[in-house]
Amino acid sequence: MGQTTCNYEAVEERAPGMHFLRDALDCENLGVTMVDVEAGWSGMEHDHAEDDQEEVYLLVDGAATMTVDGEELSLGAGDAVRVDADSTRQLDFEEDSRMVIAGAP
């Protein structure tokens, strides 16, 4: 089959506000996550050195602070950030927000 579709709201949250779409879309290499959270939500600091996965974060709506290797980045709607697999990253949302995260080795 050449395509697969889904609506993120139909995919069960794997963490509060996080919808992991890789399985629902039958992706082989690409991970896609929809983050739909309220103001004050914070993610855990992590990296992807073990699975060699770089990620792109696209803030669709809202406002966020992203800390990459200790450097704070202020994000507004429409901002995108690519993060190396070895770099640590953490998200904090100041407003109700929606963000798409895509990652692949």
N, C-alpha and C. Protein backbone atom coordinates (compact mmCIF):
# COMPACT_ATOMS: atom_id res chain seq x y z
N MET A 1 0.84 -1.18 0.00
CA MET A 1 0.00 0.00 0.00
C MET A 1 0.88 1.24 0.00
N GLY A 2 0.55 2.23 -0.81
CA GLY A 2 1.38 3.41 -0.97
C GLY A 2 1.16 4.50 0.05
N GLN A 3 0.14 4.38 0.89
CA GLN A 3 -0.10 5.44 1.88
C GLN A 3 -0.87 4.87 3.08
N THR A 4 -0.74 5.58 4.19
CA THR A 4 -1.48 5.26 5.41
C THR A 4 -1.92 6.58 6.03
N THR A 5 -3.12 6.63 6.56
CA THR A 5 -3.60 7.85 7.18
C THR A 5 -4.08 7.58 8.61
N CYS A 6 -4.06 8.61 9.42
CA CYS A 6 -4.62 8.54 10.77
C CYS A 6 -4.85 9.97 11.26
N ASN A 7 -5.64 10.09 12.30
CA ASN A 7 -5.84 11.36 12.98
C ASN A 7 -5.18 11.21 14.35
N TYR A 8 -4.32 12.14 14.73
CA TYR A 8 -3.59 11.98 15.98
C TYR A 8 -4.50 11.85 17.18
N GLU A 9 -5.67 12.48 17.15
CA GLU A 9 -6.59 12.40 18.29
C GLU A 9 -7.15 11.00 18.47
N ALA A 10 -7.10 10.17 17.42
CA ALA A 10 -7.58 8.79 17.51
C ALA A 10 -6.50 7.83 18.04
N VAL A 11 -5.28 8.34 18.17
CA VAL A 11 -4.15 7.52 18.65
C VAL A 11 -4.02 7.74 20.16
N GLU A 12 -4.03 6.66 20.91
CA GLU A 12 -3.93 6.75 22.37
C GLU A 12 -2.63 7.43 22.79
N GLU A 13 -2.75 8.30 23.78
CA GLU A 13 -1.56 8.97 24.32
C GLU A 13 -0.63 7.95 24.95
N ARG A 14 0.66 8.06 24.67
CA ARG A 14 1.65 7.19 25.31
C ARG A 14 2.29 7.88 26.49
N ALA A 15 2.12 9.18 26.55
CA ALA A 15 2.52 10.02 27.67
C ALA A 15 1.53 11.18 27.65
N PRO A 16 1.34 11.87 28.75
CA PRO A 16 0.35 12.96 28.75
C PRO A 16 0.58 13.97 27.62
N GLY A 17 -0.42 14.12 26.76
CA GLY A 17 -0.36 15.07 25.66
C GLY A 17 0.46 14.64 24.47
N MET A 18 1.01 13.42 24.48
CA MET A 18 1.89 12.97 23.40
C MET A 18 1.27 11.79 22.66
N HIS A 19 1.11 11.98 21.36
CA HIS A 19 0.54 10.95 20.49
C HIS A 19 1.64 10.47 19.55
N PHE A 20 2.11 9.24 19.75
CA PHE A 20 3.17 8.67 18.93
C PHE A 20 2.51 8.01 17.71
N LEU A 21 2.82 8.49 16.52
CA LEU A 21 2.12 8.08 15.31
C LEU A 21 2.87 7.05 14.46
N ARG A 22 4.05 6.67 14.85
CA ARG A 22 4.86 5.74 14.03
C ARG A 22 4.09 4.47 13.69
N ASP A 23 3.53 3.81 14.68
CA ASP A 23 2.81 2.55 14.44
C ASP A 23 1.51 2.78 13.67
N ALA A 24 0.77 3.82 14.05
CA ALA A 24 -0.51 4.10 13.38
C ALA A 24 -0.31 4.40 11.90
N LEU A 25 0.84 4.99 11.56
CA LEU A 25 1.14 5.31 10.16
C LEU A 25 1.95 4.22 9.47
N ASP A 26 2.30 3.17 10.22
CA ASP A 26 3.08 2.05 9.69
C ASP A 26 4.43 2.52 9.13
N CYS A 27 5.08 3.43 9.86
CA CYS A 27 6.39 3.94 9.43
C CYS A 27 7.48 2.92 9.71
N GLU A 28 8.42 2.79 8.79
CA GLU A 28 9.54 1.87 8.98
C GLU A 28 10.70 2.55 9.69
N ASN A 29 10.99 3.81 9.36
CA ASN A 29 12.14 4.50 9.93
C ASN A 29 11.79 5.81 10.62
N LEU A 30 10.78 6.48 10.15
CA LEU A 30 10.42 7.80 10.63
C LEU A 30 9.51 7.72 11.86
N GLY A 31 9.88 8.47 12.88
CA GLY A 31 9.01 8.63 14.04
C GLY A 31 8.32 9.97 13.95
N VAL A 32 7.02 10.01 14.23
CA VAL A 32 6.25 11.26 14.21
C VAL A 32 5.44 11.30 15.50
N THR A 33 5.55 12.42 16.21
CA THR A 33 4.82 12.60 17.46
C THR A 33 4.08 13.92 17.40
N MET A 34 2.83 13.91 17.83
CA MET A 34 2.05 15.13 17.99
C MET A 34 1.98 15.42 19.48
N VAL A 35 2.41 16.61 19.86
CA VAL A 35 2.35 17.06 21.25
C VAL A 35 1.23 18.10 21.32
N ASP A 36 0.22 17.84 22.13
CA ASP A 36 -0.94 18.73 22.27
C ASP A 36 -1.14 18.92 23.77
N VAL A 37 -0.60 20.02 24.31
CA VAL A 37 -0.49 20.17 25.77
C VAL A 37 -0.99 21.53 26.26
N GLU A 38 -1.26 21.58 27.54
CA GLU A 38 -1.67 22.82 28.19
C GLU A 38 -0.45 23.57 28.71
N ALA A 39 -0.64 24.86 28.97
CA ALA A 39 0.42 25.69 29.53
C ALA A 39 0.98 25.04 30.79
N GLY A 40 2.30 25.11 30.94
CA GLY A 40 2.96 24.56 32.12
C GLY A 40 3.49 23.14 31.93
N TRP A 41 3.20 22.51 30.79
CA TRP A 41 3.66 21.14 30.54
C TRP A 41 5.17 21.17 30.28
N SER A 42 5.87 20.21 30.87
CA SER A 42 7.32 20.07 30.66
C SER A 42 7.65 18.64 30.28
N GLY A 43 8.56 18.49 29.35
CA GLY A 43 9.04 17.17 28.97
C GLY A 43 10.31 16.83 29.71
N MET A 44 10.69 15.57 29.62
CA MET A 44 11.91 15.15 30.31
C MET A 44 13.12 15.46 29.43
N GLU A 45 14.23 15.74 30.08
CA GLU A 45 15.48 15.94 29.35
C GLU A 45 15.93 14.58 28.82
N HIS A 46 16.33 14.52 27.55
CA HIS A 46 16.77 13.26 26.97
C HIS A 46 17.61 13.51 25.72
N ASP A 47 18.21 12.45 25.21
CA ASP A 47 18.90 12.49 23.93
C ASP A 47 18.55 11.22 23.18
N HIS A 48 19.05 11.10 21.96
CA HIS A 48 18.81 9.90 21.16
C HIS A 48 20.13 9.32 20.66
N ALA A 49 21.18 9.45 21.46
CA ALA A 49 22.50 8.95 21.07
C ALA A 49 22.46 7.44 20.82
N GLU A 50 21.69 6.72 21.64
CA GLU A 50 21.65 5.27 21.52
C GLU A 50 21.04 4.79 20.22
N ASP A 51 19.99 5.49 19.75
CA ASP A 51 19.33 5.07 18.51
C ASP A 51 19.70 5.96 17.31
N ASP A 52 20.65 6.89 17.51
CA ASP A 52 21.19 7.74 16.44
C ASP A 52 20.08 8.46 15.66
N GLN A 53 19.08 8.97 16.40
CA GLN A 53 17.93 9.62 15.77
C GLN A 53 18.00 11.14 15.93
N GLU A 54 18.16 11.85 14.80
CA GLU A 54 18.04 13.30 14.86
C GLU A 54 16.55 13.63 14.81
N GLU A 55 16.17 14.78 15.35
CA GLU A 55 14.77 15.15 15.39
C GLU A 55 14.57 16.59 14.94
N VAL A 56 13.39 16.85 14.36
CA VAL A 56 12.96 18.20 14.03
C VAL A 56 11.71 18.47 14.83
N TYR A 57 11.69 19.61 15.50
CA TYR A 57 10.58 20.06 16.33
C TYR A 57 9.95 21.26 15.63
N LEU A 58 8.66 21.20 15.33
CA LEU A 58 7.94 22.29 14.68
C LEU A 58 6.79 22.72 15.58
N LEU A 59 6.87 23.93 16.11
CA LEU A 59 5.81 24.45 16.96
C LEU A 59 4.71 25.00 16.06
N VAL A 60 3.55 24.37 16.11
CA VAL A 60 2.43 24.76 15.26
C VAL A 60 1.67 25.92 15.89
N ASP A 61 1.35 25.80 17.17
CA ASP A 61 0.61 26.83 17.92
C ASP A 61 1.21 26.94 19.31
N GLY A 62 1.18 28.15 19.88
CA GLY A 62 1.58 28.33 21.26
C GLY A 62 2.96 28.95 21.40
N ALA A 63 3.57 28.69 22.57
CA ALA A 63 4.90 29.20 22.88
C ALA A 63 5.63 28.18 23.74
N ALA A 64 6.93 28.05 23.51
CA ALA A 64 7.71 27.06 24.24
C ALA A 64 9.13 27.54 24.42
N THR A 65 9.77 26.93 25.40
CA THR A 65 11.21 27.08 25.57
C THR A 65 11.80 25.69 25.37
N MET A 66 12.80 25.61 24.52
CA MET A 66 13.49 24.35 24.29
C MET A 66 14.93 24.54 24.74
N THR A 67 15.41 23.63 25.58
CA THR A 67 16.79 23.68 26.04
C THR A 67 17.56 22.58 25.32
N VAL A 68 18.58 22.98 24.55
CA VAL A 68 19.40 22.04 23.80
C VAL A 68 20.84 22.20 24.29
N ASP A 69 21.37 21.13 24.88
CA ASP A 69 22.74 21.15 25.42
C ASP A 69 22.96 22.37 26.32
N GLY A 70 21.96 22.70 27.14
CA GLY A 70 22.07 23.79 28.09
C GLY A 70 21.72 25.17 27.55
N GLU A 71 21.51 25.29 26.24
CA GLU A 71 21.16 26.58 25.63
C GLU A 71 19.64 26.68 25.47
N GLU A 72 19.05 27.74 26.04
CA GLU A 72 17.61 27.94 25.95
C GLU A 72 17.23 28.66 24.66
N LEU A 73 16.23 28.11 23.98
CA LEU A 73 15.71 28.69 22.75
C LEU A 73 14.25 29.02 22.97
N SER A 74 13.84 30.25 22.69
CA SER A 74 12.43 30.64 22.78
C SER A 74 11.78 30.36 21.44
N LEU A 75 10.66 29.62 21.45
CA LEU A 75 9.97 29.25 20.22
C LEU A 75 8.58 29.84 20.18
N GLY A 76 8.19 30.33 19.01
CA GLY A 76 6.85 30.79 18.74
C GLY A 76 6.27 29.98 17.61
N ALA A 77 4.97 30.13 17.38
CA ALA A 77 4.29 29.39 16.32
C ALA A 77 5.04 29.56 15.00
N GLY A 78 5.30 28.44 14.34
CA GLY A 78 6.00 28.43 13.06
C GLY A 78 7.49 28.16 13.17
N ASP A 79 8.06 28.24 14.37
CA ASP A 79 9.50 28.00 14.55
C ASP A 79 9.79 26.50 14.50
N ALA A 80 10.91 26.15 13.87
CA ALA A 80 11.36 24.77 13.79
C ALA A 80 12.81 24.69 14.25
N VAL A 81 13.15 23.57 14.91
CA VAL A 81 14.51 23.34 15.40
C VAL A 81 14.90 21.91 15.07
N ARG A 82 16.10 21.71 14.51
CA ARG A 82 16.66 20.37 14.31
C ARG A 82 17.67 20.11 15.41
N VAL A 83 17.62 18.91 15.99
CA VAL A 83 18.52 18.57 17.09
C VAL A 83 19.27 17.28 16.75
N ASP A 84 20.60 17.33 16.88
CA ASP A 84 21.44 16.14 16.67
C ASP A 84 21.06 15.03 17.65
N ALA A 85 21.32 13.82 17.27
CA ALA A 85 21.02 12.67 18.12
C ALA A 85 21.75 12.75 19.47
N ASP A 86 22.99 13.20 19.48
CA ASP A 86 23.80 13.23 20.69
C ASP A 86 23.45 14.38 21.65
N SER A 87 22.70 15.36 21.18
CA SER A 87 22.40 16.53 22.00
C SER A 87 21.23 16.26 22.96
N THR A 88 21.37 16.78 24.19
CA THR A 88 20.24 16.69 25.11
C THR A 88 19.22 17.77 24.76
N ARG A 89 17.95 17.43 25.01
CA ARG A 89 16.88 18.38 24.73
C ARG A 89 15.78 18.24 25.76
N GLN A 90 15.10 19.37 26.02
CA GLN A 90 13.97 19.39 26.95
C GLN A 90 13.03 20.50 26.51
N LEU A 91 11.72 20.24 26.62
CA LEU A 91 10.70 21.20 26.23
C LEU A 91 9.91 21.67 27.43
N ASP A 92 9.57 22.96 27.44
CA ASP A 92 8.69 23.56 28.44
C ASP A 92 7.74 24.48 27.69
N PHE A 93 6.45 24.33 27.93
CA PHE A 93 5.44 25.11 27.21
C PHE A 93 4.83 26.16 28.12
N GLU A 94 4.89 27.42 27.69
CA GLU A 94 4.34 28.54 28.46
C GLU A 94 2.85 28.73 28.20
N GLU A 95 2.36 28.26 27.07
CA GLU A 95 0.96 28.42 26.66
C GLU A 95 0.42 27.06 26.23
N ASP A 96 -0.91 26.95 26.10
CA ASP A 96 -1.47 25.78 25.43
C ASP A 96 -0.81 25.72 24.06
N SER A 97 -0.31 24.55 23.68
CA SER A 97 0.52 24.46 22.48
C SER A 97 0.31 23.15 21.74
N ARG A 98 0.65 23.21 20.45
CA ARG A 98 0.69 22.01 19.62
C ARG A 98 2.01 22.02 18.87
N MET A 99 2.69 20.86 18.88
CA MET A 99 4.00 20.73 18.25
C MET A 99 4.06 19.37 17.54
N VAL A 100 4.70 19.36 16.38
CA VAL A 100 4.97 18.12 15.65
C VAL A 100 6.46 17.83 15.78
N ILE A 101 6.78 16.59 16.15
CA ILE A 101 8.17 16.15 16.24
C ILE A 101 8.36 15.02 15.24
N ALA A 102 9.37 15.13 14.39
CA ALA A 102 9.71 14.07 13.43
C ALA A 102 11.15 13.67 13.65
N GLY A 103 11.41 12.38 13.65
CA GLY A 103 12.77 11.91 13.87
C GLY A 103 13.06 10.64 13.10
N ALA A 104 14.31 10.49 12.70
CA ALA A 104 14.76 9.30 12.00
C ALA A 104 16.27 9.18 12.15
N PRO A 105 16.76 7.95 12.05
CA PRO A 105 18.22 7.78 12.08
C PRO A 105 18.86 8.31 10.81
